[in-house]
Amino acid sequence: MPNIKSAKKRVLVSKANYEHNKAYRSALRTAVKKANAAIDSNAADAADAVKAAVIKIDQAAGKGILHKNNAARKKSALVTRFNKVKA
């Protein structure tokens, strides 16, 4: 346990950031799973689901939750998969 006041505050702040990022990552994974499910079932709204997932990925990269290269890889894989099924 930290003894210095600023260190105690950093513990609280880092815990709050961790919880926020965890919730955001969970929502991101849910969006990607929904997009993959829509692609698998050839749903009519697959394009919308993929678009929503790509937007979530971009937002996560902008907030620093995902590294920009990781985000680019996820988007590329998702869109490639969608285009392969669509064609």
Protein backbone atom coordinates (compact mmCIF):
# COMPACT_ATOMS: atom_id res chain seq x y z
CA MET A 1 0.00 0.00 0.00
CA PRO A 2 1.32 3.44 -0.83
CA ASN A 3 2.11 5.87 1.95
CA ILE A 4 2.47 9.08 -0.03
CA LYS A 5 -0.70 11.02 -0.76
CA SER A 6 -0.02 11.36 -4.49
CA ALA A 7 0.70 7.63 -4.77
CA LYS A 8 -2.60 6.86 -3.03
CA LYS A 9 -4.39 9.09 -5.53
CA ARG A 10 -2.65 7.37 -8.45
CA VAL A 11 -3.92 4.00 -7.16
CA LEU A 12 -7.50 5.32 -7.14
CA VAL A 13 -7.17 6.98 -10.54
CA SER A 14 -5.58 3.94 -12.17
CA LYS A 15 -8.32 1.69 -10.78
CA ALA A 16 -11.01 3.99 -12.17
CA ASN A 17 -9.27 4.09 -15.56
CA TYR A 18 -8.92 0.31 -15.52
CA GLU A 19 -12.65 -0.14 -14.89
CA HIS A 20 -13.56 2.35 -17.63
CA ASN A 21 -11.23 0.72 -20.14
CA LYS A 22 -12.49 -2.75 -19.20
CA ALA A 23 -16.09 -1.69 -19.88
CA TYR A 24 -15.09 -0.10 -23.19
CA ARG A 25 -13.13 -3.20 -24.28
CA SER A 26 -16.13 -5.35 -23.43
CA ALA A 27 -18.44 -3.20 -25.57
CA LEU A 28 -15.86 -3.32 -28.37
CA ARG A 29 -15.68 -7.12 -28.25
CA THR A 30 -19.48 -7.33 -28.25
CA ALA A 31 -19.69 -5.14 -31.37
CA VAL A 32 -17.10 -7.29 -33.16
CA LYS A 33 -18.90 -10.50 -32.15
CA LYS A 34 -22.20 -9.11 -33.44
CA ALA A 35 -20.54 -8.19 -36.72
CA ASN A 36 -19.02 -11.66 -37.06
CA ALA A 37 -22.37 -13.28 -36.27
CA ALA A 38 -24.10 -11.12 -38.87
CA ILE A 39 -21.44 -12.05 -41.44
CA ASP A 40 -21.79 -15.76 -40.64
CA SER A 41 -25.58 -15.71 -40.97
CA ASN A 42 -25.53 -13.59 -44.14
CA ALA A 43 -27.85 -11.15 -42.41
CA ALA A 44 -29.15 -8.16 -44.34
CA ASP A 45 -27.78 -5.82 -41.69
CA ALA A 46 -24.25 -7.27 -41.81
CA ALA A 47 -22.91 -4.12 -43.46
CA ASP A 48 -24.35 -1.97 -40.68
CA ALA A 49 -22.93 -4.27 -38.00
CA VAL A 50 -19.48 -4.19 -39.62
CA LYS A 51 -19.64 -0.40 -39.91
CA ALA A 52 -20.61 -0.08 -36.24
CA ALA A 53 -17.76 -2.40 -35.20
CA VAL A 54 -15.23 -0.44 -37.28
CA ILE A 55 -16.39 2.80 -35.65
CA LYS A 56 -15.99 1.24 -32.18
CA ILE A 57 -12.49 0.03 -33.09
CA ASP A 58 -11.52 3.51 -34.32
CA GLN A 59 -12.85 5.11 -31.14
CA ALA A 60 -10.92 2.64 -28.98
CA ALA A 61 -7.72 3.42 -30.87
CA GLY A 62 -8.35 7.14 -30.48
CA LYS A 63 -8.82 6.77 -26.73
CA GLY A 64 -5.65 4.71 -26.38
CA ILE A 65 -7.47 1.52 -25.40
CA LEU A 66 -6.13 -0.24 -28.51
CA HIS A 67 -2.83 0.40 -30.23
CA LYS A 68 -3.33 1.92 -33.69
CA ASN A 69 -1.73 -1.07 -35.44
CA ASN A 70 -3.89 -3.49 -33.46
CA ALA A 71 -6.96 -1.49 -34.46
CA ALA A 72 -5.90 -1.50 -38.11
CA ARG A 73 -5.39 -5.26 -38.00
CA LYS A 74 -8.81 -5.86 -36.44
CA LYS A 75 -10.56 -3.61 -38.98
CA SER A 76 -8.72 -5.19 -41.88
CA ALA A 77 -9.60 -8.73 -40.79
CA LEU A 78 -13.25 -7.83 -40.23
CA VAL A 79 -13.73 -6.02 -43.53
CA THR A 80 -11.81 -8.68 -45.48
CA ARG A 81 -14.03 -11.37 -43.95
CA PHE A 82 -17.16 -9.35 -44.81
CA ASN A 83 -16.04 -8.76 -48.41
CA LYS A 84 -15.16 -12.43 -48.89
CA VAL A 85 -18.63 -13.56 -47.78
CA LYS A 86 -20.36 -10.79 -49.72
CA ALA A 87 -18.65 -11.71 -53.01
